[in-house]
PDB file of N, CA and C in Angstrom:
ATOM      1  N   MET A   1       0.786  -1.071  -0.016  1.00  0.00           N
ATOM      2  CA  MET A   1       0.030  -0.002   0.009  1.00  0.00           C
ATOM      3  C   MET A   1       0.929   1.284   0.044  1.00  0.00           C
ATOM      4  N   ASP A   2       0.438   2.243  -0.686  1.00  0.00           N
ATOM      5  CA  ASP A   2       1.149   3.494  -0.932  1.00  0.00           C
ATOM      6  C   ASP A   2       0.714   4.393   0.241  1.00  0.00           C
ATOM      7  N   VAL A   3       1.635   4.778   1.034  1.00  0.00           N
ATOM      8  CA  VAL A   3       1.205   5.643   2.151  1.00  0.00           C
ATOM      9  C   VAL A   3       1.414   7.155   2.009  1.00  0.00           C
ATOM     10  N   ARG A   4       1.957   7.427   0.639  1.00  0.00           N
ATOM     11  CA  ARG A   4       2.032   8.833   0.480  1.00  0.00           C
ATOM     12  C   ARG A   4       0.726   9.518   0.125  1.00  0.00           C
ATOM     13  N   THR A   5       0.649  10.856   0.292  1.00  0.00           N
ATOM     14  CA  THR A   5      -0.558  11.524   0.201  1.00  0.00           C
ATOM     15  C   THR A   5      -0.819  11.704  -1.370  1.00  0.00           C
ATOM     16  N   THR A   6      -2.004  12.015  -1.782  1.00  0.00           N
ATOM     17  CA  THR A   6      -2.352  12.284  -3.205  1.00  0.00           C
ATOM     18  C   THR A   6      -1.454  13.301  -3.727  1.00  0.00           C
ATOM     19  N   GLU A   7      -1.255  14.454  -2.984  1.00  0.00           N
ATOM     20  CA  GLU A   7      -0.402  15.550  -3.541  1.00  0.00           C
ATOM     21  C   GLU A   7       1.134  14.936  -3.744  1.00  0.00           C
ATOM     22  N   GLU A   8       1.475  14.335  -2.895  1.00  0.00           N
ATOM     23  CA  GLU A   8       2.952  13.749  -2.994  1.00  0.00           C
ATOM     24  C   GLU A   8       3.111  12.836  -4.176  1.00  0.00           C
ATOM     25  N   ARG A   9       2.135  12.026  -4.398  1.00  0.00           N
ATOM     26  CA  ARG A   9       2.115  11.195  -5.545  1.00  0.00           C
ATOM     27  C   ARG A   9       2.051  12.050  -6.891  1.00  0.00           C
ATOM     28  N   VAL A  10       1.091  12.998  -6.909  1.00  0.00           N
ATOM     29  CA  VAL A  10       0.990  13.925  -8.135  1.00  0.00           C
ATOM     30  C   VAL A  10       2.352  14.552  -8.356  1.00  0.00           C
ATOM     31  N   ILE A  11       2.904  15.067  -7.145  1.00  0.00           N
ATOM     32  CA  ILE A  11       4.145  15.885  -7.368  1.00  0.00           C
ATOM     33  C   ILE A  11       5.279  14.852  -7.975  1.00  0.00           C
ATOM     34  N   ASP A  12       5.233  13.664  -7.459  1.00  0.00           N
ATOM     35  CA  ASP A  12       6.334  12.640  -7.945  1.00  0.00           C
ATOM     36  C   ASP A  12       6.047  12.386  -9.503  1.00  0.00           C
ATOM     37  N   ILE A  13       4.866  12.152  -9.652  1.00  0.00           N
ATOM     38  CA  ILE A  13       4.525  12.020 -11.271  1.00  0.00           C
ATOM     39  C   ILE A  13       5.069  13.164 -12.139  1.00  0.00           C
ATOM     40  N   ILE A  14       4.759  14.334 -11.794  1.00  0.00           N
ATOM     41  CA  ILE A  14       5.125  15.577 -12.440  1.00  0.00           C
ATOM     42  C   ILE A  14       6.645  15.704 -12.473  1.00  0.00           C
ATOM     43  N   ALA A  15       7.309  15.454 -11.400  1.00  0.00           N
ATOM     44  CA  ALA A  15       8.691  15.572 -11.300  1.00  0.00           C
ATOM     45  C   ALA A  15       9.461  14.573 -12.169  1.00  0.00           C
ATOM     46  N   THR A  16       8.874  13.354 -12.242  1.00  0.00           N
ATOM     47  CA  THR A  16       9.424  12.220 -13.022  1.00  0.00           C
ATOM     48  C   THR A  16       9.226  12.429 -14.496  1.00  0.00           C
ATOM     49  N   GLN A  17       7.992  12.897 -14.804  1.00  0.00           N
ATOM     50  CA  GLN A  17       7.700  13.261 -16.286  1.00  0.00           C
ATOM     51  C   GLN A  17       8.508  14.455 -16.836  1.00  0.00           C
ATOM     52  N   MET A  18       8.774  15.447 -15.985  1.00  0.00           N
ATOM     53  CA  MET A  18       9.274  16.557 -16.325  1.00  0.00           C
ATOM     54  C   MET A  18      10.805  16.687 -16.132  1.00  0.00           C
ATOM     55  N   GLY A  19      11.292  15.802 -15.354  1.00  0.00           N
ATOM     56  CA  GLY A  19      12.750  15.583 -15.117  1.00  0.00           C
ATOM     57  C   GLY A  19      13.305  16.744 -14.054  1.00  0.00           C
ATOM     58  N   VAL A  20      12.411  17.034 -13.217  1.00  0.00           N
ATOM     59  CA  VAL A  20      12.793  17.935 -12.046  1.00  0.00           C
ATOM     60  C   VAL A  20      12.772  17.403 -10.734  1.00  0.00           C
ATOM     61  N   ASP A  21      13.344  18.069  -9.812  1.00  0.00           N
ATOM     62  CA  ASP A  21      13.485  17.587  -8.393  1.00  0.00           C
ATOM     63  C   ASP A  21      12.166  17.771  -7.768  1.00  0.00           C
ATOM     64  N   PRO A  22      11.437  16.823  -7.085  1.00  0.00           N
ATOM     65  CA  PRO A  22      10.148  16.995  -6.549  1.00  0.00           C
ATOM     66  C   PRO A  22      10.122  18.105  -5.566  1.00  0.00           C
ATOM     67  N   GLY A  23      11.327  18.409  -4.851  1.00  0.00           N
ATOM     68  CA  GLY A  23      11.385  19.699  -3.959  1.00  0.00           C
ATOM     69  C   GLY A  23      11.129  20.861  -4.499  1.00  0.00           C
ATOM     70  N   GLU A  24      11.286  21.031  -5.909  1.00  0.00           N
ATOM     71  CA  GLU A  24      11.116  22.170  -6.559  1.00  0.00           C
ATOM     72  C   GLU A  24       9.614  22.334  -6.897  1.00  0.00           C
ATOM     73  N   ILE A  25       8.691  21.447  -6.525  1.00  0.00           N
ATOM     74  CA  ILE A  25       7.339  21.535  -6.948  1.00  0.00           C
ATOM     75  C   ILE A  25       6.493  21.701  -5.682  1.00  0.00           C
ATOM     76  N   SER A  26       5.663  22.826  -5.634  1.00  0.00           N
ATOM     77  CA  SER A  26       4.682  22.827  -4.507  1.00  0.00           C
ATOM     78  C   SER A  26       3.383  22.609  -4.864  1.00  0.00           C
ATOM     79  N   GLY A  27       2.465  22.402  -3.936  1.00  0.00           N
ATOM     80  CA  GLY A  27       1.091  22.216  -4.240  1.00  0.00           C
ATOM     81  C   GLY A  27       0.320  23.282  -5.019  1.00  0.00           C
ATOM     82  N   ASP A  28       0.841  24.660  -4.826  1.00  0.00           N
ATOM     83  CA  ASP A  28       0.167  25.700  -5.563  1.00  0.00           C
ATOM     84  C   ASP A  28       0.939  26.114  -6.809  1.00  0.00           C
ATOM     85  N   ALA A  29       1.950  25.381  -7.247  1.00  0.00           N
ATOM     86  CA  ALA A  29       2.596  25.480  -8.310  1.00  0.00           C
ATOM     87  C   ALA A  29       1.783  25.575  -9.762  1.00  0.00           C
ATOM     88  N   HIS A  30       1.969  26.505 -10.531  1.00  0.00           N
ATOM     89  CA  HIS A  30       1.228  26.580 -11.716  1.00  0.00           C
ATOM     90  C   HIS A  30       1.881  25.683 -12.769  1.00  0.00           C
ATOM     91  N   LEU A  31       1.226  24.980 -13.562  1.00  0.00           N
ATOM     92  CA  LEU A  31       1.722  24.090 -14.530  1.00  0.00           C
ATOM     93  C   LEU A  31       2.503  24.868 -15.460  1.00  0.00           C
ATOM     94  N   ASN A  32       2.154  26.130 -15.917  1.00  0.00           N
ATOM     95  CA  ASN A  32       2.832  26.934 -16.946  1.00  0.00           C
ATOM     96  C   ASN A  32       4.170  27.212 -16.375  1.00  0.00           C
ATOM     97  N   ASP A  33       4.304  27.508 -15.014  1.00  0.00           N
ATOM     98  CA  ASP A  33       5.595  27.874 -14.412  1.00  0.00           C
ATOM     99  C   ASP A  33       6.472  26.694 -14.312  1.00  0.00           C
ATOM    100  N   LEU A  34       5.922  25.448 -14.566  1.00  0.00           N
ATOM    101  CA  LEU A  34       6.762  24.107 -14.556  1.00  0.00           C
ATOM    102  C   LEU A  34       7.027  23.843 -16.039  1.00  0.00           C
ATOM    103  N   LYS A  35       6.762  24.796 -16.856  1.00  0.00           N
ATOM    104  CA  LYS A  35       7.125  24.556 -18.398  1.00  0.00           C
ATOM    105  C   LYS A  35       6.209  23.438 -18.930  1.00  0.00           C
ATOM    106  N   ILE A  36       5.066  23.071 -18.367  1.00  0.00           N
ATOM    107  CA  ILE A  36       4.241  21.957 -18.974  1.00  0.00           C
ATOM    108  C   ILE A  36       3.277  22.528 -20.076  1.00  0.00           C
ATOM    109  N   ASP A  37       3.554  21.932 -21.266  1.00  0.00           N
ATOM    110  CA  ASP A  37       2.798  22.379 -22.396  1.00  0.00           C
ATOM    111  C   ASP A  37       1.553  21.387 -22.460  1.00  0.00           C
ATOM    112  N   SER A  38       0.759  21.620 -23.525  1.00  0.00           N
ATOM    113  CA  SER A  38      -0.390  20.689 -23.802  1.00  0.00           C
ATOM    114  C   SER A  38      -0.030  19.196 -24.017  1.00  0.00           C
ATOM    115  N   LEU A  39       1.055  18.978 -24.572  1.00  0.00           N
ATOM    116  CA  LEU A  39       1.463  17.637 -24.805  1.00  0.00           C
ATOM    117  C   LEU A  39       1.961  16.970 -23.568  1.00  0.00           C
ATOM    118  N   ASP A  40       2.740  17.710 -22.715  1.00  0.00           N
ATOM    119  CA  ASP A  40       3.232  17.202 -21.415  1.00  0.00           C
ATOM    120  C   ASP A  40       1.998  16.962 -20.560  1.00  0.00           C
ATOM    121  N   LEU A  41       0.746  17.798 -20.698  1.00  0.00           N
ATOM    122  CA  LEU A  41      -0.222  17.607 -19.852  1.00  0.00           C
ATOM    123  C   LEU A  41      -1.036  16.362 -20.197  1.00  0.00           C
ATOM    124  N   VAL A  42      -1.050  16.018 -21.541  1.00  0.00           N
ATOM    125  CA  VAL A  42      -1.657  14.743 -21.860  1.00  0.00           C
ATOM    126  C   VAL A  42      -0.806  13.579 -21.210  1.00  0.00           C
ATOM    127  N   HIS A  43       0.473  13.493 -21.273  1.00  0.00           N
ATOM    128  CA  HIS A  43       1.233  12.606 -20.726  1.00  0.00           C
ATOM    129  C   HIS A  43       0.984  12.447 -19.268  1.00  0.00           C
ATOM    130  N   LEU A  44       0.949  13.621 -18.544  1.00  0.00           N
ATOM    131  CA  LEU A  44       0.585  13.628 -17.094  1.00  0.00           C
ATOM    132  C   LEU A  44      -0.721  13.147 -16.860  1.00  0.00           C
ATOM    133  N   ILE A  45      -1.827  13.408 -17.597  1.00  0.00           N
ATOM    134  CA  ILE A  45      -3.036  12.883 -17.338  1.00  0.00           C
ATOM    135  C   ILE A  45      -3.135  11.443 -17.473  1.00  0.00           C
ATOM    136  N   LEU A  46      -2.401  10.787 -18.469  1.00  0.00           N
ATOM    137  CA  LEU A  46      -2.265   9.484 -18.562  1.00  0.00           C
ATOM    138  C   LEU A  46      -1.606   8.793 -17.417  1.00  0.00           C
ATOM    139  N   ALA A  47      -0.663   9.393 -16.967  1.00  0.00           N
ATOM    140  CA  ALA A  47       0.296   8.922 -15.710  1.00  0.00           C
ATOM    141  C   ALA A  47      -0.816   9.009 -14.533  1.00  0.00           C
ATOM    142  N   PHE A  48      -1.518  10.051 -14.393  1.00  0.00           N
ATOM    143  CA  PHE A  48      -2.468  10.252 -13.183  1.00  0.00           C
ATOM    144  C   PHE A  48      -3.385   9.134 -13.344  1.00  0.00           C
ATOM    145  N   GLU A  49      -3.973   8.864 -14.441  1.00  0.00           N
ATOM    146  CA  GLU A  49      -5.168   7.809 -14.517  1.00  0.00           C
ATOM    147  C   GLU A  49      -4.512   6.499 -14.280  1.00  0.00           C
ATOM    148  N   HIS A  50      -3.335   6.173 -14.708  1.00  0.00           N
ATOM    149  CA  HIS A  50      -2.704   4.896 -14.402  1.00  0.00           C
ATOM    150  C   HIS A  50      -2.435   4.773 -12.778  1.00  0.00           C
ATOM    151  N   GLU A  51      -1.835   5.846 -12.189  1.00  0.00           N
ATOM    152  CA  GLU A  51      -1.414   5.744 -10.910  1.00  0.00           C
ATOM    153  C   GLU A  51      -2.628   5.731  -9.860  1.00  0.00           C
ATOM    154  N   PHE A  52      -3.749   6.504 -10.269  1.00  0.00           N
ATOM    155  CA  PHE A  52      -4.812   6.593  -9.336  1.00  0.00           C
ATOM    156  C   PHE A  52      -6.063   5.797  -9.806  1.00  0.00           C
ATOM    157  N   ASP A  53      -5.980   5.150 -10.827  1.00  0.00           N
ATOM    158  CA  ASP A  53      -6.977   4.147 -11.294  1.00  0.00           C
ATOM    159  C   ASP A  53      -8.354   5.059 -11.478  1.00  0.00           C
ATOM    160  N   VAL A  54      -8.244   6.037 -12.218  1.00  0.00           N
ATOM    161  CA  VAL A  54      -9.407   7.043 -12.522  1.00  0.00           C
ATOM    162  C   VAL A  54      -9.352   7.244 -13.927  1.00  0.00           C
ATOM    163  N   VAL A  55     -10.489   7.758 -14.520  1.00  0.00           N
ATOM    164  CA  VAL A  55     -10.573   8.201 -15.940  1.00  0.00           C
ATOM    165  C   VAL A  55     -10.869   9.703 -15.830  1.00  0.00           C
ATOM    166  N   ILE A  56      -9.949  10.523 -16.533  1.00  0.00           N
ATOM    167  CA  ILE A  56     -10.093  11.970 -16.322  1.00  0.00           C
ATOM    168  C   ILE A  56     -10.641  12.432 -17.786  1.00  0.00           C
ATOM    169  N   PRO A  57     -12.014  12.765 -17.713  1.00  0.00           N
ATOM    170  CA  PRO A  57     -12.627  13.132 -18.974  1.00  0.00           C
ATOM    171  C   PRO A  57     -12.032  14.371 -19.607  1.00  0.00           C
ATOM    172  N   GLU A  58     -11.993  14.334 -20.911  1.00  0.00           N
ATOM    173  CA  GLU A  58     -11.265  15.551 -21.559  1.00  0.00           C
ATOM    174  C   GLU A  58     -11.802  16.856 -21.246  1.00  0.00           C
ATOM    175  N   GLU A  59     -12.974  16.921 -20.935  1.00  0.00           N
ATOM    176  CA  GLU A  59     -13.753  18.238 -20.571  1.00  0.00           C
ATOM    177  C   GLU A  59     -13.194  18.808 -19.250  1.00  0.00           C
ATOM    178  N   GLU A  60     -12.730  17.828 -18.382  1.00  0.00           N
ATOM    179  CA  GLU A  60     -12.263  18.116 -17.040  1.00  0.00           C
ATOM    180  C   GLU A  60     -10.692  18.587 -17.055  1.00  0.00           C
ATOM    181  N   ASP A  61     -10.065  18.018 -17.944  1.00  0.00           N
ATOM    182  CA  ASP A  61      -8.539  18.152 -17.914  1.00  0.00           C
ATOM    183  C   ASP A  61      -8.226  19.675 -18.165  1.00  0.00           C
ATOM    184  N   THR A  62      -9.036  20.440 -18.868  1.00  0.00           N
ATOM    185  CA  THR A  62      -8.693  21.789 -19.096  1.00  0.00           C
ATOM    186  C   THR A  62      -8.713  22.653 -17.971  1.00  0.00           C
ATOM    187  N   GLY A  63      -9.309  22.248 -16.825  1.00  0.00           N
ATOM    188  CA  GLY A  63      -9.311  22.982 -15.622  1.00  0.00           C
ATOM    189  C   GLY A  63      -8.132  22.850 -14.750  1.00  0.00           C
ATOM    190  N   ILE A  64      -7.225  22.064 -15.149  1.00  0.00           N
ATOM    191  CA  ILE A  64      -5.959  21.797 -14.452  1.00  0.00           C
ATOM    192  C   ILE A  64      -4.981  22.854 -14.735  1.00  0.00           C
ATOM    193  N   GLU A  65      -4.837  23.801 -13.821  1.00  0.00           N
ATOM    194  CA  GLU A  65      -3.797  24.744 -13.957  1.00  0.00           C
ATOM    195  C   GLU A  65      -2.715  24.787 -12.967  1.00  0.00           C
ATOM    196  N   THR A  66      -3.109  24.100 -11.737  1.00  0.00           N
ATOM    197  CA  THR A  66      -1.985  23.938 -10.733  1.00  0.00           C
ATOM    198  C   THR A  66      -1.933  22.602 -10.267  1.00  0.00           C
ATOM    199  N   VAL A  67      -0.898  22.259  -9.419  1.00  0.00           N
ATOM    200  CA  VAL A  67      -0.781  21.023  -8.825  1.00  0.00           C
ATOM    201  C   VAL A  67      -1.993  20.757  -8.058  1.00  0.00           C
ATOM    202  N   ALA A  68      -2.497  21.763  -7.279  1.00  0.00           N
ATOM    203  CA  ALA A  68      -3.650  21.643  -6.455  1.00  0.00           C
ATOM    204  C   ALA A  68      -4.804  21.234  -7.228  1.00  0.00           C
ATOM    205  N   ASP A  69      -5.073  21.803  -8.378  1.00  0.00           N
ATOM    206  CA  ASP A  69      -6.151  21.528  -9.218  1.00  0.00           C
ATOM    207  C   ASP A  69      -6.113  20.097  -9.529  1.00  0.00           C
ATOM    208  N   ALA A  70      -4.943  19.580  -9.997  1.00  0.00           N
ATOM    209  CA  ALA A  70      -4.895  18.078 -10.203  1.00  0.00           C
ATOM    210  C   ALA A  70      -5.269  17.243  -9.089  1.00  0.00           C
ATOM    211  N   VAL A  71      -4.673  17.489  -7.962  1.00  0.00           N
ATOM    212  CA  VAL A  71      -5.040  16.856  -6.784  1.00  0.00           C
ATOM    213  C   VAL A  71      -6.428  16.736  -6.434  1.00  0.00           C
ATOM    214  N   THR A  72      -7.053  17.907  -6.416  1.00  0.00           N
ATOM    215  CA  THR A  72      -8.608  18.144  -6.191  1.00  0.00           C
ATOM    216  C   THR A  72      -9.398  17.256  -7.269  1.00  0.00           C
ATOM    217  N   LEU A  73      -9.077  17.413  -8.517  1.00  0.00           N
ATOM    218  CA  LEU A  73      -9.746  16.653  -9.464  1.00  0.00           C
ATOM    219  C   LEU A  73      -9.648  15.156  -9.374  1.00  0.00           C
ATOM    220  N   ILE A  74      -8.404  14.678  -9.144  1.00  0.00           N
ATOM    221  CA  ILE A  74      -8.206  13.250  -8.845  1.00  0.00           C
ATOM    222  C   ILE A  74      -8.922  12.793  -7.694  1.00  0.00           C
ATOM    223  N   LYS A  75      -8.897  13.393  -6.674  1.00  0.00           N
ATOM    224  CA  LYS A  75      -9.723  12.935  -5.420  1.00  0.00           C
ATOM    225  C   LYS A  75     -11.112  12.982  -5.658  1.00  0.00           C
ATOM    226  N   LYS A  76     -11.652  13.827  -6.404  1.00  0.00           N
ATOM    227  CA  LYS A  76     -13.175  14.107  -6.811  1.00  0.00           C
ATOM    228  C   LYS A  76     -13.588  12.844  -7.721  1.00  0.00           C
ATOM    229  N   LEU A  77     -12.720  12.591  -8.645  1.00  0.00           N
ATOM    230  CA  LEU A  77     -13.053  11.533  -9.644  1.00  0.00           C
ATOM    231  C   LEU A  77     -12.963  10.160  -9.067  1.00  0.00           C
ATOM    232  N   HIS A  78     -11.856   9.951  -8.138  1.00  0.00           N
ATOM    233  CA  HIS A  78     -11.581   8.677  -7.472  1.00  0.00           C
ATOM    234  C   HIS A  78     -12.797   8.371  -6.683  1.00  0.00           C
ATOM    235  N   LYS A  79     -13.254   9.381  -5.901  1.00  0.00           N
ATOM    236  CA  LYS A  79     -14.510   9.233  -4.970  1.00  0.00           C
ATOM    237  C   LYS A  79     -15.766   8.939  -5.759  1.00  0.00           C
ATOM    238  N   LYS A  80     -15.984   9.666  -6.913  1.00  0.00           N
ATOM    239  CA  LYS A  80     -17.075   9.452  -7.680  1.00  0.00           C
ATOM    240  C   LYS A  80     -16.972   8.004  -8.387  1.00  0.00           C
ATOM    241  N   GLN A  81     -15.830   7.648  -8.916  1.00  0.00           N
ATOM    242  CA  GLN A  81     -15.653   6.419  -9.788  1.00  0.00           C
ATOM    243  C   GLN A  81     -15.520   5.227  -8.890  1.00  0.00           C
ATOM    244  N   GLN A  82     -15.086   5.498  -7.766  1.00  0.00           N
ATOM    245  CA  GLN A  82     -14.989   4.228  -6.872  1.00  0.00           C
ATOM    246  C   GLN A  82     -16.237   4.075  -5.870  1.00  0.00           C
ATOM    247  N   GLY A  83     -17.022   5.012  -5.968  1.00  0.00           N
ATOM    248  CA  GLY A  83     -18.207   4.987  -5.043  1.00  0.00           C
ATOM    249  C   GLY A  83     -17.876   5.110  -3.562  1.00  0.00           C
ATOM    250  N   ASN A  84     -16.785   5.800  -3.266  1.00  0.00           N
ATOM    251  CA  ASN A  84     -16.273   5.897  -2.035  1.00  0.00           C
ATOM    252  C   ASN A  84     -16.982   7.069  -1.377  1.00  0.00           C
ATOM    253  N   ASN A  85     -17.749   6.816  -0.295  1.00  0.00           N
ATOM    254  CA  ASN A  85     -18.538   7.922   0.428  1.00  0.00           C
ATOM    255  C   ASN A  85     -17.908   8.405   1.629  1.00  0.00           C
ATOM    256  N   SER A  86     -16.744   7.911   1.944  1.00  0.00           N
ATOM    257  CA  SER A  86     -16.056   8.202   3.188  1.00  0.00           C
ATOM    258  C   SER A  86     -15.485   9.705   3.120  1.00  0.00           C
ATOM    259  N   THR A  87     -15.718  10.327   4.327  1.00  0.00           N
ATOM    260  CA  THR A  87     -15.177  11.683   4.400  1.00  0.00           C
ATOM    261  C   THR A  87     -13.913  11.763   5.314  1.00  0.00           C
ATOM    262  N   ASP A  88     -13.517  10.574   5.707  1.00  0.00           N
ATOM    263  CA  ASP A  88     -12.354  10.568   6.765  1.00  0.00           C
ATOM    264  C   ASP A  88     -11.125  10.967   5.993  1.00  0.00           C
ATOM    265  N   SER A  89     -10.536  12.100   6.599  1.00  0.00           N
ATOM    266  CA  SER A  89      -9.362  12.634   5.904  1.00  0.00           C
ATOM    267  C   SER A  89      -8.094  11.732   5.997  1.00  0.00           C
ATOM    268  N   SER A  90      -8.190  10.777   6.933  1.00  0.00           N
ATOM    269  CA  SER A  90      -7.041   9.847   7.018  1.00  0.00           C
ATOM    270  C   SER A  90      -6.926   8.898   5.801  1.00  0.00           C
ATOM    271  N   GLN A  91      -8.028   8.900   5.058  1.00  0.00           N
ATOM    272  CA  GLN A  91      -7.970   8.179   3.801  1.00  0.00           C
ATOM    273  C   GLN A  91      -7.053   8.746   2.691  1.00  0.00           C
ATOM    274  N   ASP A  92      -6.711  10.089   2.876  1.00  0.00           N
ATOM    275  CA  ASP A  92      -5.802  10.701   1.932  1.00  0.00           C
ATOM    276  C   ASP A  92      -4.507  10.001   1.698  1.00  0.00           C
ATOM    277  N   GLN A  93      -4.192   9.210   2.783  1.00  0.00           N
ATOM    278  CA  GLN A  93      -2.872   8.465   2.529  1.00  0.00           C
ATOM    279  C   GLN A  93      -3.032   7.441   1.453  1.00  0.00           C
ATOM    280  N   GLN A  94      -4.214   6.933   1.138  1.00  0.00           N
ATOM    281  CA  GLN A  94      -4.397   5.965   0.023  1.00  0.00           C
ATOM    282  C   GLN A  94      -4.743   6.771  -1.325  1.00  0.00           C
ATOM    283  N   ILE A  95      -5.713   7.729  -1.183  1.00  0.00           N
ATOM    284  CA  ILE A  95      -6.066   8.513  -2.366  1.00  0.00           C
ATOM    285  C   ILE A  95      -6.966   9.603  -2.039  1.00  0.00           C
ATOM    286  N   VAL A  96      -8.051   9.319  -1.268  1.00  0.00           N
ATOM    287  CA  VAL A  96      -9.099  10.189  -1.036  1.00  0.00           C
ATOM    288  C   VAL A  96      -8.801  11.236   0.065  1.00  0.00           C
TER     289      VAL A  96
END
């Protein structure tokens, strides 16, 4: 089981895909500031979908402007797609 938070996992994915140190990426970092273009975003979305077992609809991916936006969307979709109704914040360790 992965005990990292959703944000930590998103940051690790971005760091790996973009070839930067995860310590250089904060939750409020804008994707433009990280030099993430539309093609990079497509690759990141595919990686997010694989890592978190969610499907990110095309109409939703355009709202991802920051790391926090990605985390919020992933949590929302995971909860919706997995039917998880728990509001226990300790579950953030796994995904929600």
